[in-house]
Amino acid sequence: MVGGRYDGVIWGKEQHYDLTPDQYRRRYGLDVVRPEDNLRPVSELVPGVIPYAIVTPDGQWSDCAGKPDQAWSDEVGSLLAEHRHRMVVAIDCHC
């Protein structure tokens, strides 16, 4: 789900809930989460946003699993710098 529980985080929107995507849809409806609130140029990301994972344009998946916080933060910074002219799409996905 685009945005999902993290709707607007990449724009600096404060979050006040911790619902699963299904609970969120039932409570707020799908029209509350708008794709445009979850798209942003990499160069305009709110400082300090550290995602669980990043998928680069070539389809490469990188995530924080098993990495110390600082190592992951450094990797995120490097990936974002490398792709600074791209767009970010915030996705909330669950298995």
PDB file of N, CA and C in Angstrom:
ATOM      1  N   MET A   1       0.845  -1.167   0.000  1.00  0.00           N
ATOM      2  CA  MET A   1       0.000   0.000   0.000  1.00  0.00           C
ATOM      3  C   MET A   1       0.895   1.237   0.000  1.00  0.00           C
ATOM      4  N   VAL A   2       0.671   2.143  -0.908  1.00  0.00           N
ATOM      5  CA  VAL A   2       1.424   3.390  -0.921  1.00  0.00           C
ATOM      6  C   VAL A   2       1.089   4.156   0.349  1.00  0.00           C
ATOM      7  N   GLY A   3       2.130   4.533   1.092  1.00  0.00           N
ATOM      8  CA  GLY A   3       1.938   5.284   2.333  1.00  0.00           C
ATOM      9  C   GLY A   3       1.541   4.401   3.500  1.00  0.00           C
ATOM     10  N   GLY A   4       0.340   3.885   3.485  1.00  0.00           N
ATOM     11  CA  GLY A   4      -0.136   3.020   4.568  1.00  0.00           C
ATOM     12  C   GLY A   4       0.029   3.662   5.928  1.00  0.00           C
ATOM     13  N   ARG A   5       0.605   2.904   6.853  1.00  0.00           N
ATOM     14  CA  ARG A   5       0.801   3.414   8.216  1.00  0.00           C
ATOM     15  C   ARG A   5       1.806   4.555   8.270  1.00  0.00           C
ATOM     16  N   TYR A   6       2.549   4.751   7.203  1.00  0.00           N
ATOM     17  CA  TYR A   6       3.584   5.780   7.165  1.00  0.00           C
ATOM     18  C   TYR A   6       3.208   6.923   6.231  1.00  0.00           C
ATOM     19  N   ASP A   7       1.912   7.107   6.030  1.00  0.00           N
ATOM     20  CA  ASP A   7       1.403   8.123   5.118  1.00  0.00           C
ATOM     21  C   ASP A   7       2.007   9.493   5.416  1.00  0.00           C
ATOM     22  N   GLY A   8       2.679  10.055   4.421  1.00  0.00           N
ATOM     23  CA  GLY A   8       3.214  11.405   4.534  1.00  0.00           C
ATOM     24  C   GLY A   8       4.513  11.560   5.299  1.00  0.00           C
ATOM     25  N   VAL A   9       5.068  10.476   5.821  1.00  0.00           N
ATOM     26  CA  VAL A   9       6.296  10.567   6.621  1.00  0.00           C
ATOM     27  C   VAL A   9       7.418  11.219   5.827  1.00  0.00           C
ATOM     28  N   ILE A  10       7.529  10.920   4.539  1.00  0.00           N
ATOM     29  CA  ILE A  10       8.627  11.485   3.754  1.00  0.00           C
ATOM     30  C   ILE A  10       8.466  12.988   3.535  1.00  0.00           C
ATOM     31  N   TRP A  11       7.290  13.524   3.867  1.00  0.00           N
ATOM     32  CA  TRP A  11       7.049  14.970   3.812  1.00  0.00           C
ATOM     33  C   TRP A  11       7.135  15.582   5.208  1.00  0.00           C
ATOM     34  N   GLY A  12       7.347  14.750   6.237  1.00  0.00           N
ATOM     35  CA  GLY A  12       7.436  15.256   7.602  1.00  0.00           C
ATOM     36  C   GLY A  12       6.132  15.230   8.371  1.00  0.00           C
ATOM     37  N   LYS A  13       5.117  14.552   7.846  1.00  0.00           N
ATOM     38  CA  LYS A  13       3.818  14.449   8.524  1.00  0.00           C
ATOM     39  C   LYS A  13       3.965  13.587   9.771  1.00  0.00           C
ATOM     40  N   GLU A  14       3.531  14.100  10.897  1.00  0.00           N
ATOM     41  CA  GLU A  14       3.593  13.353  12.152  1.00  0.00           C
ATOM     42  C   GLU A  14       2.546  12.242  12.151  1.00  0.00           C
ATOM     43  N   GLN A  15       2.926  11.092  12.673  1.00  0.00           N
ATOM     44  CA  GLN A  15       2.033   9.943  12.699  1.00  0.00           C
ATOM     45  C   GLN A  15       1.411   9.784  14.090  1.00  0.00           C
ATOM     46  N   HIS A  16       0.124   9.441  14.104  1.00  0.00           N
ATOM     47  CA  HIS A  16      -0.595   9.271  15.375  1.00  0.00           C
ATOM     48  C   HIS A  16      -1.314   7.934  15.450  1.00  0.00           C
ATOM     49  N   TYR A  17      -0.846   6.970  14.716  1.00  0.00           N
ATOM     50  CA  TYR A  17      -1.526   5.681  14.696  1.00  0.00           C
ATOM     51  C   TYR A  17      -0.535   4.579  14.382  1.00  0.00           C
ATOM     52  N   ASP A  18      -0.936   3.369  14.723  1.00  0.00           N
ATOM     53  CA  ASP A  18      -0.134   2.196  14.399  1.00  0.00           C
ATOM     54  C   ASP A  18      -1.100   1.079  14.022  1.00  0.00           C
ATOM     55  N   LEU A  19      -1.700   1.223  12.852  1.00  0.00           N
ATOM     56  CA  LEU A  19      -2.685   0.266  12.384  1.00  0.00           C
ATOM     57  C   LEU A  19      -2.111  -0.557  11.242  1.00  0.00           C
ATOM     58  N   THR A  20      -2.612  -1.776  11.089  1.00  0.00           N
ATOM     59  CA  THR A  20      -2.254  -2.557   9.910  1.00  0.00           C
ATOM     60  C   THR A  20      -2.917  -1.887   8.708  1.00  0.00           C
ATOM     61  N   PRO A  21      -2.443  -2.154   7.487  1.00  0.00           N
ATOM     62  CA  PRO A  21      -3.096  -1.545   6.318  1.00  0.00           C
ATOM     63  C   PRO A  21      -4.590  -1.848   6.240  1.00  0.00           C
ATOM     64  N   ASP A  22      -5.000  -3.077   6.584  1.00  0.00           N
ATOM     65  CA  ASP A  22      -6.417  -3.419   6.544  1.00  0.00           C
ATOM     66  C   ASP A  22      -7.211  -2.616   7.576  1.00  0.00           C
ATOM     67  N   GLN A  23      -6.694  -2.492   8.794  1.00  0.00           N
ATOM     68  CA  GLN A  23      -7.361  -1.687   9.823  1.00  0.00           C
ATOM     69  C   GLN A  23      -7.445  -0.225   9.391  1.00  0.00           C
ATOM     70  N   TYR A  24      -6.366   0.262   8.780  1.00  0.00           N
ATOM     71  CA  TYR A  24      -6.344   1.642   8.308  1.00  0.00           C
ATOM     72  C   TYR A  24      -7.431   1.872   7.257  1.00  0.00           C
ATOM     73  N   ARG A  25      -7.539   0.959   6.282  1.00  0.00           N
ATOM     74  CA  ARG A  25      -8.565   1.082   5.239  1.00  0.00           C
ATOM     75  C   ARG A  25      -9.967   1.077   5.839  1.00  0.00           C
ATOM     76  N   ARG A  26     -10.205   0.156   6.787  1.00  0.00           N
ATOM     77  CA  ARG A  26     -11.541   0.079   7.400  1.00  0.00           C
ATOM     78  C   ARG A  26     -11.856   1.352   8.179  1.00  0.00           C
ATOM     79  N   ARG A  27     -10.873   1.901   8.869  1.00  0.00           N
ATOM     80  CA  ARG A  27     -11.117   3.082   9.695  1.00  0.00           C
ATOM     81  C   ARG A  27     -11.197   4.360   8.875  1.00  0.00           C
ATOM     82  N   TYR A  28     -10.281   4.540   7.928  1.00  0.00           N
ATOM     83  CA  TYR A  28     -10.165   5.814   7.232  1.00  0.00           C
ATOM     84  C   TYR A  28     -10.583   5.776   5.765  1.00  0.00           C
ATOM     85  N   GLY A  29     -10.662   4.599   5.174  1.00  0.00           N
ATOM     86  CA  GLY A  29     -10.982   4.502   3.759  1.00  0.00           C
ATOM     87  C   GLY A  29      -9.748   4.712   2.904  1.00  0.00           C
ATOM     88  N   LEU A  30      -9.797   4.247   1.680  1.00  0.00           N
ATOM     89  CA  LEU A  30      -8.637   4.329   0.795  1.00  0.00           C
ATOM     90  C   LEU A  30      -8.355   5.744   0.315  1.00  0.00           C
ATOM     91  N   ASP A  31      -9.377   6.603   0.278  1.00  0.00           N
ATOM     92  CA  ASP A  31      -9.170   7.935  -0.261  1.00  0.00           C
ATOM     93  C   ASP A  31      -8.394   8.854   0.675  1.00  0.00           C
ATOM     94  N   VAL A  32      -8.161   8.435   1.919  1.00  0.00           N
ATOM     95  CA  VAL A  32      -7.405   9.252   2.866  1.00  0.00           C
ATOM     96  C   VAL A  32      -5.921   9.230   2.519  1.00  0.00           C
ATOM     97  N   VAL A  33      -5.401   8.083   2.136  1.00  0.00           N
ATOM     98  CA  VAL A  33      -3.998   7.956   1.748  1.00  0.00           C
ATOM     99  C   VAL A  33      -3.898   8.286   0.267  1.00  0.00           C
ATOM    100  N   ARG A  34      -3.277   9.404  -0.029  1.00  0.00           N
ATOM    101  CA  ARG A  34      -3.154   9.849  -1.411  1.00  0.00           C
ATOM    102  C   ARG A  34      -1.729   9.612  -1.893  1.00  0.00           C
ATOM    103  N   PRO A  35      -1.579   9.056  -3.084  1.00  0.00           N
ATOM    104  CA  PRO A  35      -0.231   8.800  -3.597  1.00  0.00           C
ATOM    105  C   PRO A  35       0.665  10.037  -3.573  1.00  0.00           C
ATOM    106  N   GLU A  36       0.109  11.198  -3.889  1.00  0.00           N
ATOM    107  CA  GLU A  36       0.934  12.400  -3.937  1.00  0.00           C
ATOM    108  C   GLU A  36       1.535  12.776  -2.572  1.00  0.00           C
ATOM    109  N   ASP A  37       0.965  12.281  -1.480  1.00  0.00           N
ATOM    110  CA  ASP A  37       1.538  12.518  -0.150  1.00  0.00           C
ATOM    111  C   ASP A  37       2.711  11.586   0.134  1.00  0.00           C
ATOM    112  N   ASN A  38       2.940  10.645  -0.756  1.00  0.00           N
ATOM    113  CA  ASN A  38       3.950   9.619  -0.529  1.00  0.00           C
ATOM    114  C   ASN A  38       4.949   9.516  -1.681  1.00  0.00           C
ATOM    115  N   LEU A  39       5.053  10.596  -2.437  1.00  0.00           N
ATOM    116  CA  LEU A  39       6.028  10.727  -3.525  1.00  0.00           C
ATOM    117  C   LEU A  39       6.838  11.990  -3.262  1.00  0.00           C
ATOM    118  N   ARG A  40       8.132  11.887  -3.465  1.00  0.00           N
ATOM    119  CA  ARG A  40       8.963  13.063  -3.228  1.00  0.00           C
ATOM    120  C   ARG A  40      10.309  12.872  -3.904  1.00  0.00           C
ATOM    121  N   PRO A  41      10.885  13.937  -4.467  1.00  0.00           N
ATOM    122  CA  PRO A  41      12.242  13.821  -4.980  1.00  0.00           C
ATOM    123  C   PRO A  41      13.206  13.482  -3.835  1.00  0.00           C
ATOM    124  N   VAL A  42      14.176  12.635  -4.107  1.00  0.00           N
ATOM    125  CA  VAL A  42      15.153  12.255  -3.087  1.00  0.00           C
ATOM    126  C   VAL A  42      15.769  13.506  -2.458  1.00  0.00           C
ATOM    127  N   SER A  43      16.054  14.497  -3.271  1.00  0.00           N
ATOM    128  CA  SER A  43      16.701  15.711  -2.774  1.00  0.00           C
ATOM    129  C   SER A  43      15.837  16.509  -1.804  1.00  0.00           C
ATOM    130  N   GLU A  44      14.539  16.200  -1.726  1.00  0.00           N
ATOM    131  CA  GLU A  44      13.628  16.924  -0.838  1.00  0.00           C
ATOM    132  C   GLU A  44      13.129  16.091   0.334  1.00  0.00           C
ATOM    133  N   LEU A  45      13.725  14.938   0.553  1.00  0.00           N
ATOM    134  CA  LEU A  45      13.312  14.104   1.696  1.00  0.00           C
ATOM    135  C   LEU A  45      13.541  14.830   3.011  1.00  0.00           C
ATOM    136  N   VAL A  46      12.669  14.572   3.966  1.00  0.00           N
ATOM    137  CA  VAL A  46      12.844  15.111   5.303  1.00  0.00           C
ATOM    138  C   VAL A  46      14.106  14.484   5.903  1.00  0.00           C
ATOM    139  N   PRO A  47      14.993  15.287   6.462  1.00  0.00           N
ATOM    140  CA  PRO A  47      16.213  14.727   7.059  1.00  0.00           C
ATOM    141  C   PRO A  47      15.886  13.725   8.171  1.00  0.00           C
ATOM    142  N   GLY A  48      16.680  12.683   8.245  1.00  0.00           N
ATOM    143  CA  GLY A  48      16.547  11.716   9.326  1.00  0.00           C
ATOM    144  C   GLY A  48      15.578  10.577   9.081  1.00  0.00           C
ATOM    145  N   VAL A  49      14.890  10.565   7.948  1.00  0.00           N
ATOM    146  CA  VAL A  49      13.987   9.455   7.643  1.00  0.00           C
ATOM    147  C   VAL A  49      14.840   8.262   7.216  1.00  0.00           C
ATOM    148  N   ILE A  50      14.762   7.186   7.988  1.00  0.00           N
ATOM    149  CA  ILE A  50      15.525   5.976   7.685  1.00  0.00           C
ATOM    150  C   ILE A  50      14.525   4.846   7.445  1.00  0.00           C
ATOM    151  N   PRO A  51      14.418   4.382   6.211  1.00  0.00           N
ATOM    152  CA  PRO A  51      13.457   3.318   5.901  1.00  0.00           C
ATOM    153  C   PRO A  51      13.965   1.946   6.323  1.00  0.00           C
ATOM    154  N   TYR A  52      13.063   0.985   6.353  1.00  0.00           N
ATOM    155  CA  TYR A  52      13.449  -0.402   6.599  1.00  0.00           C
ATOM    156  C   TYR A  52      14.220  -0.947   5.402  1.00  0.00           C
ATOM    157  N   ALA A  53      13.793  -0.547   4.209  1.00  0.00           N
ATOM    158  CA  ALA A  53      14.405  -1.061   2.980  1.00  0.00           C
ATOM    159  C   ALA A  53      14.371  -0.001   1.887  1.00  0.00           C
ATOM    160  N   ILE A  54      15.254  -0.191   0.921  1.00  0.00           N
ATOM    161  CA  ILE A  54      15.288   0.653  -0.275  1.00  0.00           C
ATOM    162  C   ILE A  54      15.395  -0.268  -1.481  1.00  0.00           C
ATOM    163  N   VAL A  55      14.577   0.011  -2.490  1.00  0.00           N
ATOM    164  CA  VAL A  55      14.689  -0.680  -3.766  1.00  0.00           C
ATOM    165  C   VAL A  55      15.146   0.371  -4.773  1.00  0.00           C
ATOM    166  N   THR A  56      16.303   0.142  -5.369  1.00  0.00           N
ATOM    167  CA  THR A  56      16.860   1.099  -6.317  1.00  0.00           C
ATOM    168  C   THR A  56      16.249   0.884  -7.708  1.00  0.00           C
ATOM    169  N   PRO A  57      16.419   1.847  -8.614  1.00  0.00           N
ATOM    170  CA  PRO A  57      15.812   1.728  -9.949  1.00  0.00           C
ATOM    171  C   PRO A  57      16.193   0.456 -10.708  1.00  0.00           C
ATOM    172  N   ASP A  58      17.337  -0.135 -10.389  1.00  0.00           N
ATOM    173  CA  ASP A  58      17.735  -1.374 -11.069  1.00  0.00           C
ATOM    174  C   ASP A  58      17.134  -2.619 -10.421  1.00  0.00           C
ATOM    175  N   GLY A  59      16.256  -2.412  -9.407  1.00  0.00           N
ATOM    176  CA  GLY A  59      15.576  -3.528  -8.750  1.00  0.00           C
ATOM    177  C   GLY A  59      16.330  -4.130  -7.588  1.00  0.00           C
ATOM    178  N   GLN A  60      17.449  -3.555  -7.209  1.00  0.00           N
ATOM    179  CA  GLN A  60      18.252  -4.071  -6.084  1.00  0.00           C
ATOM    180  C   GLN A  60      17.588  -3.722  -4.756  1.00  0.00           C
ATOM    181  N   TRP A  61      17.348  -4.725  -3.917  1.00  0.00           N
ATOM    182  CA  TRP A  61      16.741  -4.558  -2.593  1.00  0.00           C
ATOM    183  C   TRP A  61      17.849  -4.489  -1.555  1.00  0.00           C
ATOM    184  N   SER A  62      17.804  -3.487  -0.701  1.00  0.00           N
ATOM    185  CA  SER A  62      18.715  -3.375   0.438  1.00  0.00           C
ATOM    186  C   SER A  62      17.862  -3.097   1.661  1.00  0.00           C
ATOM    187  N   ASP A  63      18.148  -3.789   2.765  1.00  0.00           N
ATOM    188  CA  ASP A  63      17.382  -3.519   3.976  1.00  0.00           C
ATOM    189  C   ASP A  63      18.282  -3.554   5.206  1.00  0.00           C
ATOM    190  N   CYS A  64      17.697  -3.218   6.337  1.00  0.00           N
ATOM    191  CA  CYS A  64      18.440  -3.073   7.586  1.00  0.00           C
ATOM    192  C   CYS A  64      18.644  -4.385   8.337  1.00  0.00           C
ATOM    193  N   ALA A  65      18.063  -5.465   7.853  1.00  0.00           N
ATOM    194  CA  ALA A  65      18.123  -6.749   8.563  1.00  0.00           C
ATOM    195  C   ALA A  65      19.566  -7.140   8.893  1.00  0.00           C
ATOM    196  N   GLY A  66      19.821  -7.318  10.180  1.00  0.00           N
ATOM    197  CA  GLY A  66      21.120  -7.789  10.641  1.00  0.00           C
ATOM    198  C   GLY A  66      22.227  -6.753  10.619  1.00  0.00           C
ATOM    199  N   LYS A  67      21.897  -5.507  10.335  1.00  0.00           N
ATOM    200  CA  LYS A  67      22.922  -4.463  10.260  1.00  0.00           C
ATOM    201  C   LYS A  67      22.809  -3.544  11.476  1.00  0.00           C
ATOM    202  N   PRO A  68      23.932  -3.128  12.027  1.00  0.00           N
ATOM    203  CA  PRO A  68      23.883  -2.128  13.106  1.00  0.00           C
ATOM    204  C   PRO A  68      23.232  -0.839  12.593  1.00  0.00           C
ATOM    205  N   ASP A  69      22.571  -0.113  13.484  1.00  0.00           N
ATOM    206  CA  ASP A  69      21.856   1.100  13.091  1.00  0.00           C
ATOM    207  C   ASP A  69      22.733   2.070  12.302  1.00  0.00           C
ATOM    208  N   GLN A  70      23.945   2.313  12.768  1.00  0.00           N
ATOM    209  CA  GLN A  70      24.814   3.272  12.092  1.00  0.00           C
ATOM    210  C   GLN A  70      25.215   2.793  10.700  1.00  0.00           C
ATOM    211  N   ALA A  71      25.482   1.494  10.567  1.00  0.00           N
ATOM    212  CA  ALA A  71      25.850   0.951   9.258  1.00  0.00           C
ATOM    213  C   ALA A  71      24.691   1.115   8.272  1.00  0.00           C
ATOM    214  N   TRP A  72      23.463   0.833   8.738  1.00  0.00           N
ATOM    215  CA  TRP A  72      22.306   0.985   7.857  1.00  0.00           C
ATOM    216  C   TRP A  72      22.079   2.460   7.519  1.00  0.00           C
ATOM    217  N   SER A  73      22.199   3.328   8.500  1.00  0.00           N
ATOM    218  CA  SER A  73      22.039   4.763   8.261  1.00  0.00           C
ATOM    219  C   SER A  73      23.045   5.248   7.216  1.00  0.00           C
ATOM    220  N   ASP A  74      24.278   4.799   7.328  1.00  0.00           N
ATOM    221  CA  ASP A  74      25.314   5.164   6.353  1.00  0.00           C
ATOM    222  C   ASP A  74      24.981   4.630   4.961  1.00  0.00           C
ATOM    223  N   GLU A  75      24.481   3.393   4.895  1.00  0.00           N
ATOM    224  CA  GLU A  75      24.119   2.794   3.615  1.00  0.00           C
ATOM    225  C   GLU A  75      22.959   3.557   2.969  1.00  0.00           C
ATOM    226  N   VAL A  76      21.968   3.912   3.785  1.00  0.00           N
ATOM    227  CA  VAL A  76      20.837   4.696   3.277  1.00  0.00           C
ATOM    228  C   VAL A  76      21.343   6.022   2.714  1.00  0.00           C
ATOM    229  N   GLY A  77      22.198   6.694   3.465  1.00  0.00           N
ATOM    230  CA  GLY A  77      22.748   7.965   2.995  1.00  0.00           C
ATOM    231  C   GLY A  77      23.484   7.820   1.681  1.00  0.00           C
ATOM    232  N   SER A  78      24.250   6.764   1.544  1.00  0.00           N
ATOM    233  CA  SER A  78      24.996   6.509   0.320  1.00  0.00           C
ATOM    234  C   SER A  78      24.056   6.226  -0.855  1.00  0.00           C
ATOM    235  N   LEU A  79      23.038   5.396  -0.628  1.00  0.00           N
ATOM    236  CA  LEU A  79      22.080   5.069  -1.690  1.00  0.00           C
ATOM    237  C   LEU A  79      21.289   6.307  -2.121  1.00  0.00           C
ATOM    238  N   LEU A  80      20.873   7.100  -1.153  1.00  0.00           N
ATOM    239  CA  LEU A  80      20.118   8.304  -1.493  1.00  0.00           C
ATOM    240  C   LEU A  80      20.990   9.306  -2.253  1.00  0.00           C
ATOM    241  N   ALA A  81      22.243   9.424  -1.856  1.00  0.00           N
ATOM    242  CA  ALA A  81      23.162  10.321  -2.573  1.00  0.00           C
ATOM    243  C   ALA A  81      23.381   9.832  -4.003  1.00  0.00           C
ATOM    244  N   GLU A  82      23.527   8.539  -4.153  1.00  0.00           N
ATOM    245  CA  GLU A  82      23.740   7.954  -5.479  1.00  0.00           C
ATOM    246  C   GLU A  82      22.539   8.180  -6.400  1.00  0.00           C
ATOM    247  N   HIS A  83      21.342   8.212  -5.813  1.00  0.00           N
ATOM    248  CA  HIS A  83      20.106   8.345  -6.594  1.00  0.00           C
ATOM    249  C   HIS A  83      19.405   9.679  -6.309  1.00  0.00           C
ATOM    250  N   ARG A  84      20.171  10.707  -6.010  1.00  0.00           N
ATOM    251  CA  ARG A  84      19.624  12.000  -5.594  1.00  0.00           C
ATOM    252  C   ARG A  84      18.707  12.660  -6.632  1.00  0.00           C
ATOM    253  N   HIS A  85      18.786  12.248  -7.881  1.00  0.00           N
ATOM    254  CA  HIS A  85      17.949  12.840  -8.926  1.00  0.00           C
ATOM    255  C   HIS A  85      16.691  12.003  -9.202  1.00  0.00           C
ATOM    256  N   ARG A  86      16.443  11.024  -8.371  1.00  0.00           N
ATOM    257  CA  ARG A  86      15.288  10.132  -8.531  1.00  0.00           C
ATOM    258  C   ARG A  86      14.152  10.560  -7.605  1.00  0.00           C
ATOM    259  N   MET A  87      13.059   9.813  -7.701  1.00  0.00           N
ATOM    260  CA  MET A  87      11.900  10.022  -6.826  1.00  0.00           C
ATOM    261  C   MET A  87      11.849   8.902  -5.795  1.00  0.00           C
ATOM    262  N   VAL A  88      11.294   9.230  -4.636  1.00  0.00           N
ATOM    263  CA  VAL A  88      11.046   8.250  -3.574  1.00  0.00           C
ATOM    264  C   VAL A  88       9.546   8.002  -3.524  1.00  0.00           C
ATOM    265  N   VAL A  89       9.175   6.741  -3.383  1.00  0.00           N
ATOM    266  CA  VAL A  89       7.786   6.352  -3.161  1.00  0.00           C
ATOM    267  C   VAL A  89       7.764   5.591  -1.848  1.00  0.00           C
ATOM    268  N   ALA A  90       6.993   6.076  -0.880  1.00  0.00           N
ATOM    269  CA  ALA A  90       6.876   5.400   0.408  1.00  0.00           C
ATOM    270  C   ALA A  90       5.838   4.293   0.290  1.00  0.00           C
ATOM    271  N   ILE A  91       6.235   3.078   0.612  1.00  0.00           N
ATOM    272  CA  ILE A  91       5.363   1.905   0.534  1.00  0.00           C
ATOM    273  C   ILE A  91       5.336   1.241   1.903  1.00  0.00           C
ATOM    274  N   ASP A  92       4.151   0.862   2.345  1.00  0.00           N
ATOM    275  CA  ASP A  92       3.991   0.097   3.585  1.00  0.00           C
ATOM    276  C   ASP A  92       3.580  -1.310   3.161  1.00  0.00           C
ATOM    277  N   CYS A  93       4.511  -2.264   3.276  1.00  0.00           N
ATOM    278  CA  CYS A  93       4.174  -3.614   2.826  1.00  0.00           C
ATOM    279  C   CYS A  93       4.360  -4.620   3.962  1.00  0.00           C
ATOM    280  N   HIS A  94       3.549  -5.653   3.940  1.00  0.00           N
ATOM    281  CA  HIS A  94       3.544  -6.688   4.967  1.00  0.00           C
ATOM    282  C   HIS A  94       3.435  -8.045   4.307  1.00  0.00           C
ATOM    283  N   CYS A  95       3.952  -9.032   4.985  1.00  0.00           N
ATOM    284  CA  CYS A  95       3.812 -10.421   4.520  1.00  0.00           C
ATOM    285  C   CYS A  95       2.753 -11.109   5.345  1.00  0.00           C
TER     286      CYS A  95
END
